[in-house]
Amino acid sequence: QQQQQQHPEEEQQQHKLEQREQLQQQRTEAELEACRARRSLPILLFDLNGTLTSHTSRRKAAGTNHPRPHVALLARLAKKFRLGIYTSSTVRTVAAAKQMLEKIAGCPLFEPHLIL
């Protein structure tokens, strides 16, 4: 009798496991489709200094970057374009500017592999 009671529980667990696996596969397929659709979008690359930010010091190492007007509108562009940064700025400057710009926009903007 105990074996009969355990058997339905095992079937329930197996069924739940199968449902989870099916859901995971559906998510993976949806993510792949979204990625494919995203890859078909045009790419827009921006420079930092003078375009997205302005540097406030004569000595580059001592200054700070400030956002240029209307950078919050980049979030709208991110819906129709893949955004990136093409700049001669240092890695440290790019990382700080990227963080600042994405905070202002309220969402991730730049694809990591499009930061050149």
Foldseek 3Di string as FASTA:
>chain_A
DVVVVVVVVVVVVVVVVVVVVVVVVVVVVVVVVVVVVQVVAAEDEAEPDPTQWHWDDPPRVPTAIDGDPPLLCLLVVQVRHAYEYDYPDDPVNVVVSQVVSCVSNVHRRHDVVRYD
